[in-house]
Amino acid sequence: MPLHFTYTAGKVPPINPDWLRILSDSADSPVGLVVLPEPRTDGGPAGPALIGRASSSLGSSL
């Protein structure tokens, strides 16, 4: 399903490539796409999305 976004500020906001990777991994899982919160990019502790990605990666390698 194609999506189209219109930004009112006239500037496209930056997209977090780590978050896109996490969402892509989720979409490729048996469960399908699960919308997860964007991980922090300010050097803080990993959020739930990063923890979920790590455990799904471990599970797929077993």
PDB file of N, CA and C in Angstrom:
ATOM      1  N   MET A   1       0.845  -1.160   0.000  1.00  0.00           N
ATOM      2  CA  MET A   1       0.000   0.000   0.000  1.00  0.00           C
ATOM      3  C   MET A   1       0.899   1.235   0.000  1.00  0.00           C
ATOM      4  N   PRO A   2       0.844   2.040  -1.028  1.00  0.00           N
ATOM      5  CA  PRO A   2       1.652   3.254  -1.084  1.00  0.00           C
ATOM      6  C   PRO A   2       1.144   4.284  -0.072  1.00  0.00           C
ATOM      7  N   LEU A   3       2.068   5.013   0.504  1.00  0.00           N
ATOM      8  CA  LEU A   3       1.732   6.093   1.430  1.00  0.00           C
ATOM      9  C   LEU A   3       2.254   7.402   0.863  1.00  0.00           C
ATOM     10  N   HIS A   4       1.542   8.467   1.109  1.00  0.00           N
ATOM     11  CA  HIS A   4       1.965   9.794   0.672  1.00  0.00           C
ATOM     12  C   HIS A   4       1.836  10.730   1.861  1.00  0.00           C
ATOM     13  N   PHE A   5       2.901  11.467   2.153  1.00  0.00           N
ATOM     14  CA  PHE A   5       2.897  12.400   3.272  1.00  0.00           C
ATOM     15  C   PHE A   5       3.081  13.816   2.753  1.00  0.00           C
ATOM     16  N   THR A   6       2.360  14.752   3.337  1.00  0.00           N
ATOM     17  CA  THR A   6       2.527  16.164   3.042  1.00  0.00           C
ATOM     18  C   THR A   6       2.966  16.850   4.323  1.00  0.00           C
ATOM     19  N   TYR A   7       4.079  17.563   4.245  1.00  0.00           N
ATOM     20  CA  TYR A   7       4.630  18.233   5.426  1.00  0.00           C
ATOM     21  C   TYR A   7       4.303  19.715   5.348  1.00  0.00           C
ATOM     22  N   THR A   8       3.710  20.239   6.405  1.00  0.00           N
ATOM     23  CA  THR A   8       3.285  21.630   6.408  1.00  0.00           C
ATOM     24  C   THR A   8       4.428  22.587   6.703  1.00  0.00           C
ATOM     25  N   ALA A   9       5.500  22.130   7.301  1.00  0.00           N
ATOM     26  CA  ALA A   9       6.615  23.010   7.630  1.00  0.00           C
ATOM     27  C   ALA A   9       7.481  23.305   6.408  1.00  0.00           C
ATOM     28  N   GLY A  10       7.226  22.631   5.278  1.00  0.00           N
ATOM     29  CA  GLY A  10       7.999  22.870   4.080  1.00  0.00           C
ATOM     30  C   GLY A  10       9.346  22.157   4.080  1.00  0.00           C
ATOM     31  N   LYS A  11       9.609  21.374   5.102  1.00  0.00           N
ATOM     32  CA  LYS A  11      10.885  20.672   5.210  1.00  0.00           C
ATOM     33  C   LYS A  11      10.599  19.241   5.656  1.00  0.00           C
ATOM     34  N   VAL A  12      11.196  18.273   4.972  1.00  0.00           N
ATOM     35  CA  VAL A  12      10.993  16.876   5.330  1.00  0.00           C
ATOM     36  C   VAL A  12      11.829  16.567   6.575  1.00  0.00           C
ATOM     37  N   PRO A  13      11.198  16.025   7.632  1.00  0.00           N
ATOM     38  CA  PRO A  13      11.947  15.706   8.845  1.00  0.00           C
ATOM     39  C   PRO A  13      12.916  14.544   8.580  1.00  0.00           C
ATOM     40  N   PRO A  14      14.022  14.482   9.341  1.00  0.00           N
ATOM     41  CA  PRO A  14      14.961  13.371   9.156  1.00  0.00           C
ATOM     42  C   PRO A  14      14.315  12.041   9.550  1.00  0.00           C
ATOM     43  N   ILE A  15      14.686  10.993   8.832  1.00  0.00           N
ATOM     44  CA  ILE A  15      14.155   9.663   9.120  1.00  0.00           C
ATOM     45  C   ILE A  15      15.260   8.840   9.764  1.00  0.00           C
ATOM     46  N   ASN A  16      14.950   8.202  10.857  1.00  0.00           N
ATOM     47  CA  ASN A  16      15.911   7.404  11.606  1.00  0.00           C
ATOM     48  C   ASN A  16      16.114   6.057  10.896  1.00  0.00           C
ATOM     49  N   PRO A  17      17.299   5.823  10.292  1.00  0.00           N
ATOM     50  CA  PRO A  17      17.513   4.573   9.561  1.00  0.00           C
ATOM     51  C   PRO A  17      17.480   3.336  10.456  1.00  0.00           C
ATOM     52  N   ASP A  18      17.866   3.478  11.732  1.00  0.00           N
ATOM     53  CA  ASP A  18      17.786   2.344  12.661  1.00  0.00           C
ATOM     54  C   ASP A  18      16.341   1.929  12.875  1.00  0.00           C
ATOM     55  N   TRP A  19      15.455   2.901  12.969  1.00  0.00           N
ATOM     56  CA  TRP A  19      14.040   2.612  13.167  1.00  0.00           C
ATOM     57  C   TRP A  19      13.454   1.932  11.927  1.00  0.00           C
ATOM     58  N   LEU A  20      13.832   2.402  10.746  1.00  0.00           N
ATOM     59  CA  LEU A  20      13.355   1.750   9.527  1.00  0.00           C
ATOM     60  C   LEU A  20      13.807   0.296   9.467  1.00  0.00           C
ATOM     61  N   ARG A  21      15.035   0.035   9.885  1.00  0.00           N
ATOM     62  CA  ARG A  21      15.554  -1.337   9.901  1.00  0.00           C
ATOM     63  C   ARG A  21      14.748  -2.198  10.876  1.00  0.00           C
ATOM     64  N   ILE A  22      14.446  -1.639  12.038  1.00  0.00           N
ATOM     65  CA  ILE A  22      13.667  -2.360  13.047  1.00  0.00           C
ATOM     66  C   ILE A  22      12.264  -2.678  12.510  1.00  0.00           C
ATOM     67  N   LEU A  23      11.629  -1.690  11.879  1.00  0.00           N
ATOM     68  CA  LEU A  23      10.293  -1.905  11.318  1.00  0.00           C
ATOM     69  C   LEU A  23      10.334  -2.918  10.176  1.00  0.00           C
ATOM     70  N   SER A  24      11.393  -2.861   9.367  1.00  0.00           N
ATOM     71  CA  SER A  24      11.542  -3.815   8.269  1.00  0.00           C
ATOM     72  C   SER A  24      11.717  -5.234   8.807  1.00  0.00           C
ATOM     73  N   ASP A  25      12.540  -5.384   9.852  1.00  0.00           N
ATOM     74  CA  ASP A  25      12.716  -6.701  10.476  1.00  0.00           C
ATOM     75  C   ASP A  25      11.389  -7.227  11.010  1.00  0.00           C
ATOM     76  N   SER A  26      10.610  -6.333  11.611  1.00  0.00           N
ATOM     77  CA  SER A  26       9.312  -6.717  12.148  1.00  0.00           C
ATOM     78  C   SER A  26       8.382  -7.163  11.017  1.00  0.00           C
ATOM     79  N   ALA A  27       8.378  -6.429   9.911  1.00  0.00           N
ATOM     80  CA  ALA A  27       7.506  -6.761   8.783  1.00  0.00           C
ATOM     81  C   ALA A  27       7.881  -8.112   8.172  1.00  0.00           C
ATOM     82  N   ASP A  28       9.161  -8.469   8.233  1.00  0.00           N
ATOM     83  CA  ASP A  28       9.626  -9.744   7.673  1.00  0.00           C
ATOM     84  C   ASP A  28       9.479 -10.914   8.637  1.00  0.00           C
ATOM     85  N   SER A  29       8.944 -10.673   9.813  1.00  0.00           N
ATOM     86  CA  SER A  29       8.779 -11.735  10.801  1.00  0.00           C
ATOM     87  C   SER A  29       7.484 -12.498  10.554  1.00  0.00           C
ATOM     88  N   PRO A  30       7.337 -13.685  11.148  1.00  0.00           N
ATOM     89  CA  PRO A  30       6.088 -14.445  10.992  1.00  0.00           C
ATOM     90  C   PRO A  30       4.854 -13.702  11.514  1.00  0.00           C
ATOM     91  N   VAL A  31       5.030 -12.833  12.490  1.00  0.00           N
ATOM     92  CA  VAL A  31       3.906 -12.078  13.068  1.00  0.00           C
ATOM     93  C   VAL A  31       3.468 -10.956  12.141  1.00  0.00           C
ATOM     94  N   GLY A  32       4.393 -10.412  11.362  1.00  0.00           N
ATOM     95  CA  GLY A  32       4.087  -9.286  10.493  1.00  0.00           C
ATOM     96  C   GLY A  32       4.468  -7.981  11.151  1.00  0.00           C
ATOM     97  N   LEU A  33       4.174  -6.899  10.472  1.00  0.00           N
ATOM     98  CA  LEU A  33       4.573  -5.577  10.943  1.00  0.00           C
ATOM     99  C   LEU A  33       3.916  -5.236  12.270  1.00  0.00           C
ATOM    100  N   VAL A  34       4.753  -4.874  13.234  1.00  0.00           N
ATOM    101  CA  VAL A  34       4.296  -4.365  14.516  1.00  0.00           C
ATOM    102  C   VAL A  34       4.924  -2.988  14.657  1.00  0.00           C
ATOM    103  N   VAL A  35       4.107  -1.964  14.811  1.00  0.00           N
ATOM    104  CA  VAL A  35       4.629  -0.612  14.927  1.00  0.00           C
ATOM    105  C   VAL A  35       5.257  -0.462  16.307  1.00  0.00           C
ATOM    106  N   LEU A  36       6.539  -0.122  16.294  1.00  0.00           N
ATOM    107  CA  LEU A  36       7.317  -0.001  17.523  1.00  0.00           C
ATOM    108  C   LEU A  36       7.761   1.442  17.707  1.00  0.00           C
ATOM    109  N   PRO A  37       8.014   1.857  18.948  1.00  0.00           N
ATOM    110  CA  PRO A  37       8.458   3.237  19.173  1.00  0.00           C
ATOM    111  C   PRO A  37       9.830   3.468  18.546  1.00  0.00           C
ATOM    112  N   GLU A  38      10.077   4.688  18.136  1.00  0.00           N
ATOM    113  CA  GLU A  38      11.371   5.042  17.565  1.00  0.00           C
ATOM    114  C   GLU A  38      12.448   4.969  18.639  1.00  0.00           C
ATOM    115  N   PRO A  39      13.580   4.304  18.347  1.00  0.00           N
ATOM    116  CA  PRO A  39      14.657   4.228  19.338  1.00  0.00           C
ATOM    117  C   PRO A  39      15.302   5.593  19.533  1.00  0.00           C
ATOM    118  N   ARG A  40      15.867   5.790  20.692  1.00  0.00           N
ATOM    119  CA  ARG A  40      16.526   7.055  21.007  1.00  0.00           C
ATOM    120  C   ARG A  40      17.794   7.197  20.179  1.00  0.00           C
ATOM    121  N   THR A  41      18.065   8.417  19.759  1.00  0.00           N
ATOM    122  CA  THR A  41      19.280   8.681  18.995  1.00  0.00           C
ATOM    123  C   THR A  41      20.230   9.596  19.761  1.00  0.00           C
ATOM    124  N   ASP A  42      19.889   9.881  21.021  1.00  0.00           N
ATOM    125  CA  ASP A  42      20.701  10.821  21.800  1.00  0.00           C
ATOM    126  C   ASP A  42      21.712  10.120  22.710  1.00  0.00           C
ATOM    127  N   GLY A  43      21.970   8.848  22.457  1.00  0.00           N
ATOM    128  CA  GLY A  43      22.953   8.134  23.264  1.00  0.00           C
ATOM    129  C   GLY A  43      22.389   7.576  24.556  1.00  0.00           C
ATOM    130  N   GLY A  44      21.085   7.718  24.768  1.00  0.00           N
ATOM    131  CA  GLY A  44      20.462   7.194  25.977  1.00  0.00           C
ATOM    132  C   GLY A  44      20.336   5.682  25.909  1.00  0.00           C
ATOM    133  N   PRO A  45      19.768   5.079  26.939  1.00  0.00           N
ATOM    134  CA  PRO A  45      19.620   3.621  26.954  1.00  0.00           C
ATOM    135  C   PRO A  45      18.700   3.147  25.830  1.00  0.00           C
ATOM    136  N   ALA A  46      18.899   1.926  25.394  1.00  0.00           N
ATOM    137  CA  ALA A  46      18.086   1.366  24.319  1.00  0.00           C
ATOM    138  C   ALA A  46      16.624   1.319  24.737  1.00  0.00           C
ATOM    139  N   GLY A  47      15.767   1.685  23.814  1.00  0.00           N
ATOM    140  CA  GLY A  47      14.335   1.630  24.081  1.00  0.00           C
ATOM    141  C   GLY A  47      13.783   0.260  23.763  1.00  0.00           C
ATOM    142  N   PRO A  48      12.494   0.058  23.964  1.00  0.00           N
ATOM    143  CA  PRO A  48      11.875  -1.242  23.708  1.00  0.00           C
ATOM    144  C   PRO A  48      12.077  -1.740  22.282  1.00  0.00           C
ATOM    145  N   ALA A  49      12.117  -0.816  21.308  1.00  0.00           N
ATOM    146  CA  ALA A  49      12.271  -1.247  19.915  1.00  0.00           C
ATOM    147  C   ALA A  49      13.618  -1.916  19.693  1.00  0.00           C
ATOM    148  N   LEU A  50      14.679  -1.370  20.273  1.00  0.00           N
ATOM    149  CA  LEU A  50      15.998  -1.972  20.092  1.00  0.00           C
ATOM    150  C   LEU A  50      16.099  -3.297  20.825  1.00  0.00           C
ATOM    151  N   ILE A  51      15.507  -3.374  21.996  1.00  0.00           N
ATOM    152  CA  ILE A  51      15.529  -4.624  22.752  1.00  0.00           C
ATOM    153  C   ILE A  51      14.761  -5.692  21.982  1.00  0.00           C
ATOM    154  N   GLY A  52      13.607  -5.329  21.420  1.00  0.00           N
ATOM    155  CA  GLY A  52      12.827  -6.280  20.639  1.00  0.00           C
ATOM    156  C   GLY A  52      13.583  -6.766  19.419  1.00  0.00           C
ATOM    157  N   ARG A  53      14.326  -5.896  18.785  1.00  0.00           N
ATOM    158  CA  ARG A  53      15.091  -6.293  17.600  1.00  0.00           C
ATOM    159  C   ARG A  53      16.192  -7.262  17.990  1.00  0.00           C
ATOM    160  N   ALA A  54      16.856  -7.006  19.106  1.00  0.00           N
ATOM    161  CA  ALA A  54      17.941  -7.883  19.524  1.00  0.00           C
ATOM    162  C   ALA A  54      17.417  -9.282  19.820  1.00  0.00           C
ATOM    163  N   SER A  55      16.279  -9.369  20.501  1.00  0.00           N
ATOM    164  CA  SER A  55      15.775 -10.694  20.852  1.00  0.00           C
ATOM    165  C   SER A  55      15.231 -11.410  19.619  1.00  0.00           C
ATOM    166  N   SER A  56      14.661 -10.663  18.644  1.00  0.00           N
ATOM    167  CA  SER A  56      14.169 -11.333  17.436  1.00  0.00           C
ATOM    168  C   SER A  56      15.345 -11.817  16.605  1.00  0.00           C
ATOM    169  N   SER A  57      16.454 -11.111  16.618  1.00  0.00           N
ATOM    170  CA  SER A  57      17.637 -11.553  15.886  1.00  0.00           C
ATOM    171  C   SER A  57      18.202 -12.827  16.507  1.00  0.00           C
ATOM    172  N   LEU A  58      18.210 -12.884  17.834  1.00  0.00           N
ATOM    173  CA  LEU A  58      18.717 -14.080  18.506  1.00  0.00           C
ATOM    174  C   LEU A  58      17.811 -15.269  18.215  1.00  0.00           C
ATOM    175  N   GLY A  59      16.522 -15.026  18.219  1.00  0.00           N
ATOM    176  CA  GLY A  59      15.582 -16.116  17.998  1.00  0.00           C
ATOM    177  C   GLY A  59      15.679 -16.685  16.594  1.00  0.00           C
ATOM    178  N   SER A  60      15.992 -15.843  15.607  1.00  0.00           N
ATOM    179  CA  SER A  60      16.051 -16.352  14.245  1.00  0.00           C
ATOM    180  C   SER A  60      17.327 -17.146  13.963  1.00  0.00           C
ATOM    181  N   SER A  61      18.340 -16.991  14.819  1.00  0.00           N
ATOM    182  CA  SER A  61      19.599 -17.687  14.560  1.00  0.00           C
ATOM    183  C   SER A  61      19.630 -19.058  15.244  1.00  0.00           C
ATOM    184  N   LEU A  62      18.600 -19.409  16.020  1.00  0.00           N
ATOM    185  CA  LEU A  62      18.587 -20.700  16.718  1.00  0.00           C
ATOM    186  C   LEU A  62      18.039 -21.792  15.861  1.00  0.00           C
TER     187      LEU A  62
END
